[in-house]
Amino acid sequence: EVQLVESGGGSVAAGGSLTLSCGMSGITTKSYCMGWFRQAPGKELEEVAAIDTDDYTTYGDSVKGRFRISQNDARNTVYLQMNNLEPGDTAMYYCAKFFGQVNSDCYYGLRDISKWPRDWGQGTQVTVS
């Protein structure tokens, strides 16, 4: 059973930085994609960033140039480094695992949440004021 646990959320002033972590366990597939998504109150789930097991990365337009997704060599933790945070970044942030054998799987899987089934973490709150 895949288990994903997010951590690192908190409150930060505008212009500040935070780094989120997603601890992963129970993954048995060799190739896959890990994504970060966020949902603000009253808004739809929004794509943030994704990375596959070949270290291909892709970003949502609203965070490009400010956020960076990465993973450790053991492939058991995915990070989201968030810089120059804005009040509009306030949301619950979720990590998710989904299908990813080639780069385009990760690219389209980030942008179309209905494209493949995915495993989700419980989320971590980020508040920017």
N, C-alpha and C. Protein backbone atom coordinates (compact mmCIF):
# COMPACT_ATOMS: atom_id res chain seq x y z
N GLU A 1 0.84 -1.18 0.00
CA GLU A 1 0.00 0.00 0.00
C GLU A 1 0.88 1.24 0.00
N VAL A 2 0.60 2.13 -0.94
CA VAL A 2 1.37 3.37 -1.02
C VAL A 2 0.94 4.31 0.10
N GLN A 3 1.93 4.86 0.78
CA GLN A 3 1.65 5.86 1.81
C GLN A 3 2.49 7.10 1.54
N LEU A 4 1.83 8.24 1.59
CA LEU A 4 2.48 9.53 1.36
C LEU A 4 2.19 10.43 2.55
N VAL A 5 3.22 11.05 3.10
CA VAL A 5 3.05 11.90 4.27
C VAL A 5 3.74 13.23 4.01
N GLU A 6 2.94 14.30 3.94
CA GLU A 6 3.50 15.64 3.73
C GLU A 6 3.88 16.28 5.06
N SER A 7 4.87 17.15 5.01
CA SER A 7 5.27 17.92 6.19
C SER A 7 5.95 19.20 5.71
N GLY A 8 6.14 20.12 6.67
CA GLY A 8 6.88 21.34 6.35
C GLY A 8 6.03 22.57 6.15
N GLY A 9 4.72 22.41 6.21
CA GLY A 9 3.86 23.57 6.05
C GLY A 9 3.95 24.50 7.26
N GLY A 10 3.35 25.68 7.11
CA GLY A 10 3.36 26.63 8.20
C GLY A 10 2.93 28.00 7.72
N SER A 11 3.16 28.98 8.57
CA SER A 11 2.82 30.37 8.24
C SER A 11 4.09 31.14 7.95
N VAL A 12 4.05 31.97 6.93
CA VAL A 12 5.23 32.72 6.53
C VAL A 12 4.79 34.06 5.97
N ALA A 13 5.64 35.05 6.11
CA ALA A 13 5.35 36.36 5.56
C ALA A 13 5.58 36.35 4.04
N ALA A 14 4.87 37.21 3.35
CA ALA A 14 5.05 37.34 1.91
C ALA A 14 6.51 37.63 1.59
N GLY A 15 7.01 36.97 0.57
CA GLY A 15 8.41 37.09 0.21
C GLY A 15 9.31 36.05 0.85
N GLY A 16 8.75 35.32 1.80
CA GLY A 16 9.53 34.30 2.50
C GLY A 16 9.58 32.99 1.75
N SER A 17 10.18 31.99 2.39
CA SER A 17 10.38 30.67 1.78
C SER A 17 9.95 29.56 2.72
N LEU A 18 9.55 28.47 2.14
CA LEU A 18 9.24 27.24 2.87
C LEU A 18 9.65 26.07 2.01
N THR A 19 10.00 24.96 2.65
CA THR A 19 10.26 23.73 1.91
C THR A 19 9.36 22.63 2.44
N LEU A 20 8.54 22.09 1.57
CA LEU A 20 7.67 20.98 1.92
C LEU A 20 8.36 19.65 1.59
N SER A 21 8.01 18.63 2.37
CA SER A 21 8.53 17.29 2.12
C SER A 21 7.37 16.32 1.98
N CYS A 22 7.56 15.31 1.16
CA CYS A 22 6.58 14.24 0.99
C CYS A 22 7.33 12.93 1.17
N GLY A 23 7.11 12.27 2.31
CA GLY A 23 7.72 10.98 2.56
C GLY A 23 6.90 9.89 1.89
N MET A 24 7.59 8.98 1.19
CA MET A 24 6.90 7.96 0.40
C MET A 24 7.29 6.57 0.87
N SER A 25 6.33 5.67 0.90
CA SER A 25 6.61 4.27 1.21
C SER A 25 5.61 3.38 0.49
N GLY A 26 5.97 2.13 0.32
CA GLY A 26 5.07 1.16 -0.30
C GLY A 26 4.99 1.24 -1.81
N ILE A 27 5.90 2.01 -2.43
CA ILE A 27 5.87 2.11 -3.90
C ILE A 27 6.66 0.96 -4.49
N THR A 28 6.03 0.18 -5.35
CA THR A 28 6.68 -0.99 -5.93
C THR A 28 6.95 -0.85 -7.42
N THR A 29 6.37 0.16 -8.06
CA THR A 29 6.60 0.36 -9.49
C THR A 29 7.95 1.05 -9.70
N LYS A 30 8.60 0.73 -10.82
CA LYS A 30 9.92 1.27 -11.09
C LYS A 30 9.85 2.71 -11.58
N SER A 31 8.87 2.98 -12.41
CA SER A 31 8.71 4.32 -12.99
C SER A 31 7.38 4.91 -12.57
N TYR A 32 7.41 6.15 -12.16
CA TYR A 32 6.18 6.82 -11.74
C TYR A 32 6.45 8.32 -11.68
N CYS A 33 5.41 9.05 -11.41
CA CYS A 33 5.50 10.50 -11.31
C CYS A 33 4.99 10.93 -9.94
N MET A 34 5.65 11.88 -9.33
CA MET A 34 5.21 12.45 -8.06
C MET A 34 4.86 13.91 -8.30
N GLY A 35 3.68 14.31 -7.85
CA GLY A 35 3.26 15.68 -8.06
C GLY A 35 2.86 16.37 -6.78
N TRP A 36 2.98 17.69 -6.81
CA TRP A 36 2.44 18.54 -5.75
C TRP A 36 1.24 19.30 -6.32
N PHE A 37 0.19 19.32 -5.54
CA PHE A 37 -1.03 20.03 -5.90
C PHE A 37 -1.44 20.88 -4.71
N ARG A 38 -2.29 21.85 -4.94
CA ARG A 38 -2.75 22.67 -3.83
C ARG A 38 -4.21 23.05 -4.03
N GLN A 39 -4.87 23.31 -2.92
CA GLN A 39 -6.26 23.73 -2.97
C GLN A 39 -6.51 24.80 -1.93
N ALA A 40 -6.92 25.95 -2.39
CA ALA A 40 -7.28 27.05 -1.51
C ALA A 40 -8.77 26.95 -1.19
N PRO A 41 -9.21 27.51 -0.09
CA PRO A 41 -10.64 27.46 0.28
C PRO A 41 -11.51 28.01 -0.84
N GLY A 42 -12.51 27.24 -1.23
CA GLY A 42 -13.45 27.69 -2.25
C GLY A 42 -12.94 27.60 -3.67
N LYS A 43 -11.74 27.06 -3.85
CA LYS A 43 -11.16 26.96 -5.19
C LYS A 43 -10.90 25.51 -5.56
N GLU A 44 -10.71 25.28 -6.85
CA GLU A 44 -10.44 23.94 -7.32
C GLU A 44 -8.98 23.55 -7.05
N LEU A 45 -8.75 22.26 -7.09
CA LEU A 45 -7.40 21.75 -6.95
C LEU A 45 -6.54 22.28 -8.10
N GLU A 46 -5.34 22.71 -7.79
CA GLU A 46 -4.48 23.35 -8.79
C GLU A 46 -3.15 22.62 -8.86
N GLU A 47 -2.65 22.45 -10.08
CA GLU A 47 -1.34 21.81 -10.25
C GLU A 47 -0.23 22.75 -9.80
N VAL A 48 0.80 22.18 -9.18
CA VAL A 48 1.94 22.97 -8.73
C VAL A 48 3.22 22.51 -9.45
N ALA A 49 3.61 21.26 -9.25
CA ALA A 49 4.84 20.76 -9.86
C ALA A 49 4.84 19.25 -9.84
N ALA A 50 5.65 18.65 -10.70
CA ALA A 50 5.76 17.20 -10.73
C ALA A 50 7.17 16.80 -11.14
N ILE A 51 7.55 15.60 -10.72
CA ILE A 51 8.87 15.06 -11.04
C ILE A 51 8.72 13.56 -11.25
N ASP A 52 9.44 13.02 -12.24
CA ASP A 52 9.36 11.57 -12.43
C ASP A 52 10.65 10.91 -11.96
N THR A 53 10.71 9.61 -12.09
CA THR A 53 11.84 8.86 -11.57
C THR A 53 13.12 9.09 -12.38
N ASP A 54 13.01 9.75 -13.51
CA ASP A 54 14.18 10.16 -14.28
C ASP A 54 14.58 11.60 -14.02
N ASP A 55 13.95 12.21 -13.01
CA ASP A 55 14.21 13.60 -12.63
C ASP A 55 13.69 14.62 -13.64
N TYR A 56 12.81 14.22 -14.54
CA TYR A 56 12.12 15.20 -15.38
C TYR A 56 11.19 16.01 -14.49
N THR A 57 11.17 17.32 -14.67
CA THR A 57 10.31 18.18 -13.85
C THR A 57 9.42 19.05 -14.73
N THR A 58 8.28 19.38 -14.19
CA THR A 58 7.36 20.29 -14.88
C THR A 58 6.63 21.10 -13.82
N TYR A 59 6.24 22.34 -14.16
CA TYR A 59 5.68 23.26 -13.20
C TYR A 59 4.40 23.91 -13.72
N GLY A 60 3.51 24.22 -12.79
CA GLY A 60 2.35 25.00 -13.13
C GLY A 60 2.76 26.44 -13.40
N ASP A 61 2.00 27.13 -14.23
CA ASP A 61 2.36 28.49 -14.63
C ASP A 61 2.46 29.45 -13.45
N SER A 62 1.63 29.26 -12.44
CA SER A 62 1.59 30.21 -11.33
C SER A 62 2.80 30.12 -10.41
N VAL A 63 3.57 29.06 -10.51
CA VAL A 63 4.71 28.89 -9.60
C VAL A 63 6.05 28.83 -10.33
N LYS A 64 6.01 28.82 -11.64
CA LYS A 64 7.22 28.68 -12.43
C LYS A 64 8.19 29.81 -12.09
N GLY A 65 9.44 29.44 -11.82
CA GLY A 65 10.45 30.42 -11.47
C GLY A 65 10.56 30.72 -9.99
N ARG A 66 9.56 30.29 -9.21
CA ARG A 66 9.59 30.53 -7.76
C ARG A 66 9.71 29.24 -6.97
N PHE A 67 9.14 28.16 -7.47
CA PHE A 67 9.14 26.89 -6.77
C PHE A 67 10.08 25.92 -7.48
N ARG A 68 10.62 24.98 -6.70
CA ARG A 68 11.49 23.96 -7.28
C ARG A 68 11.17 22.61 -6.65
N ILE A 69 10.91 21.62 -7.50
CA ILE A 69 10.64 20.26 -7.02
C ILE A 69 11.90 19.43 -7.17
N SER A 70 12.14 18.56 -6.20
CA SER A 70 13.31 17.69 -6.26
C SER A 70 13.02 16.41 -5.48
N GLN A 71 13.92 15.45 -5.54
CA GLN A 71 13.77 14.21 -4.78
C GLN A 71 15.13 13.72 -4.34
N ASN A 72 15.15 12.93 -3.30
CA ASN A 72 16.43 12.43 -2.82
C ASN A 72 16.86 11.20 -3.61
N ASP A 73 18.10 10.81 -3.45
CA ASP A 73 18.65 9.69 -4.22
C ASP A 73 17.95 8.38 -3.88
N ALA A 74 17.50 8.24 -2.67
CA ALA A 74 16.82 7.02 -2.26
C ALA A 74 15.41 6.92 -2.83
N ARG A 75 14.95 8.00 -3.44
CA ARG A 75 13.61 8.06 -4.04
C ARG A 75 12.52 7.76 -3.00
N ASN A 76 12.74 8.22 -1.76
CA ASN A 76 11.68 8.05 -0.76
C ASN A 76 11.18 9.37 -0.21
N THR A 77 11.69 10.48 -0.74
CA THR A 77 11.20 11.79 -0.33
C THR A 77 11.22 12.74 -1.53
N VAL A 78 10.15 13.47 -1.69
CA VAL A 78 10.06 14.51 -2.71
C VAL A 78 9.91 15.85 -1.99
N TYR A 79 10.62 16.85 -2.47
CA TYR A 79 10.63 18.16 -1.83
C TYR A 79 9.99 19.20 -2.75
N LEU A 80 9.44 20.22 -2.13
CA LEU A 80 8.97 21.38 -2.88
C LEU A 80 9.53 22.61 -2.18
N GLN A 81 10.55 23.20 -2.80
CA GLN A 81 11.13 24.41 -2.26
C GLN A 81 10.35 25.59 -2.83
N MET A 82 9.79 26.40 -1.95
CA MET A 82 8.94 27.51 -2.35
C MET A 82 9.58 28.83 -1.94
N ASN A 83 9.90 29.65 -2.91
CA ASN A 83 10.55 30.92 -2.66
C ASN A 83 9.65 32.07 -3.08
N ASN A 84 9.93 33.24 -2.55
CA ASN A 84 9.17 34.45 -2.90
C ASN A 84 7.66 34.18 -2.81
N LEU A 85 7.26 33.66 -1.68
CA LEU A 85 5.86 33.28 -1.50
C LEU A 85 4.94 34.50 -1.50
N GLU A 86 3.76 34.29 -2.05
CA GLU A 86 2.75 35.35 -2.17
C GLU A 86 1.49 34.91 -1.42
N PRO A 87 0.66 35.86 -1.00
CA PRO A 87 -0.59 35.47 -0.33
C PRO A 87 -1.42 34.50 -1.18
N GLY A 88 -1.34 34.61 -2.48
CA GLY A 88 -2.06 33.71 -3.38
C GLY A 88 -1.58 32.28 -3.33
N ASP A 89 -0.45 32.04 -2.68
CA ASP A 89 0.06 30.67 -2.52
C ASP A 89 -0.56 29.98 -1.32
N THR A 90 -1.33 30.70 -0.54
CA THR A 90 -1.99 30.10 0.63
C THR A 90 -2.94 29.00 0.20
N ALA A 91 -2.73 27.80 0.72
CA ALA A 91 -3.54 26.64 0.33
C ALA A 91 -3.12 25.43 1.14
N MET A 92 -3.91 24.38 1.04
CA MET A 92 -3.49 23.07 1.51
C MET A 92 -2.71 22.43 0.36
N TYR A 93 -1.52 21.95 0.66
CA TYR A 93 -0.66 21.35 -0.34
C TYR A 93 -0.65 19.83 -0.17
N TYR A 94 -0.86 19.14 -1.28
CA TYR A 94 -0.91 17.69 -1.28
C TYR A 94 0.14 17.12 -2.24
N CYS A 95 0.74 16.00 -1.86
CA CYS A 95 1.55 15.28 -2.83
C CYS A 95 0.76 14.06 -3.29
N ALA A 96 1.07 13.63 -4.49
CA ALA A 96 0.36 12.50 -5.08
C ALA A 96 1.30 11.72 -5.98
N LYS A 97 1.09 10.42 -6.02
CA LYS A 97 1.82 9.54 -6.94
C LYS A 97 0.87 9.14 -8.06
N PHE A 98 1.37 9.19 -9.30
CA PHE A 98 0.56 8.73 -10.41
C PHE A 98 1.43 8.13 -11.49
N PHE A 99 0.78 7.62 -12.53
CA PHE A 99 1.44 6.91 -13.60
C PHE A 99 2.47 7.81 -14.30
N GLY A 100 3.64 7.21 -14.58
CA GLY A 100 4.65 7.99 -15.28
C GLY A 100 5.75 7.12 -15.83
N GLN A 101 5.68 6.75 -17.09
CA GLN A 101 6.74 5.97 -17.73
C GLN A 101 7.59 6.82 -18.67
N VAL A 102 7.01 7.86 -19.22
CA VAL A 102 7.76 8.79 -20.05
C VAL A 102 7.45 10.20 -19.57
N ASN A 103 8.27 11.16 -20.01
CA ASN A 103 8.13 12.54 -19.54
C ASN A 103 6.71 13.09 -19.76
N SER A 104 6.12 12.76 -20.89
CA SER A 104 4.81 13.33 -21.21
C SER A 104 3.73 12.82 -20.25
N ASP A 105 3.94 11.63 -19.68
CA ASP A 105 2.98 11.14 -18.68
C ASP A 105 2.95 12.09 -17.49
N CYS A 106 4.12 12.53 -17.07
CA CYS A 106 4.21 13.43 -15.92
C CYS A 106 3.66 14.80 -16.28
N TYR A 107 3.99 15.28 -17.47
CA TYR A 107 3.54 16.60 -17.92
C TYR A 107 2.01 16.66 -17.94
N TYR A 108 1.38 15.72 -18.62
CA TYR A 108 -0.08 15.74 -18.73
C TYR A 108 -0.76 15.29 -17.45
N GLY A 109 -0.11 14.40 -16.71
CA GLY A 109 -0.68 13.95 -15.45
C GLY A 109 -0.76 15.07 -14.42
N LEU A 110 0.18 16.01 -14.46
CA LEU A 110 0.13 17.16 -13.56
C LEU A 110 -1.06 18.05 -13.92
N ARG A 111 -1.33 18.22 -15.20
CA ARG A 111 -2.32 19.19 -15.65
C ARG A 111 -3.74 18.63 -15.77
N ASP A 112 -3.87 17.33 -15.78
CA ASP A 112 -5.19 16.71 -15.88
C ASP A 112 -5.32 15.71 -14.74
N ILE A 113 -5.93 16.17 -13.66
CA ILE A 113 -6.01 15.34 -12.46
C ILE A 113 -6.86 14.11 -12.69
N SER A 114 -7.74 14.15 -13.68
CA SER A 114 -8.60 13.00 -13.94
C SER A 114 -7.92 11.96 -14.83
N LYS A 115 -6.71 12.26 -15.29
CA LYS A 115 -6.08 11.41 -16.30
C LYS A 115 -5.78 10.00 -15.78
N TRP A 116 -5.21 9.91 -14.56
CA TRP A 116 -4.89 8.60 -14.01
C TRP A 116 -5.26 8.54 -12.54
N PRO A 117 -5.55 7.32 -12.05
CA PRO A 117 -5.75 7.20 -10.60
C PRO A 117 -4.46 7.61 -9.89
N ARG A 118 -4.61 8.12 -8.70
CA ARG A 118 -3.41 8.51 -7.97
C ARG A 118 -3.59 8.29 -6.48
N ASP A 119 -2.48 8.13 -5.81
CA ASP A 119 -2.44 8.02 -4.35
C ASP A 119 -2.13 9.41 -3.80
N TRP A 120 -2.85 9.78 -2.75
CA TRP A 120 -2.72 11.12 -2.17
C TRP A 120 -2.25 11.06 -0.73
N GLY A 121 -1.52 12.10 -0.33
CA GLY A 121 -1.20 12.30 1.07
C GLY A 121 -2.33 13.07 1.74
N GLN A 122 -2.15 13.36 3.04
CA GLN A 122 -3.21 14.02 3.80
C GLN A 122 -3.15 15.54 3.69
N GLY A 123 -2.03 16.06 3.20
CA GLY A 123 -1.90 17.50 2.99
C GLY A 123 -1.18 18.21 4.11
N THR A 124 -0.63 19.36 3.78
CA THR A 124 0.01 20.24 4.77
C THR A 124 -0.35 21.68 4.41
N GLN A 125 -0.72 22.45 5.41
CA GLN A 125 -1.23 23.80 5.18
C GLN A 125 -0.09 24.81 5.06
N VAL A 126 -0.19 25.66 4.06
CA VAL A 126 0.73 26.78 3.88
C VAL A 126 -0.08 28.06 3.90
N THR A 127 0.30 28.98 4.78
CA THR A 127 -0.39 30.26 4.90
C THR A 127 0.63 31.38 4.71
N VAL A 128 0.35 32.26 3.76
CA VAL A 128 1.24 33.38 3.46
C VAL A 128 0.48 34.68 3.71
N SER A 129 1.05 35.54 4.55
CA SER A 129 0.35 36.78 4.87
C SER A 129 1.26 38.00 4.70
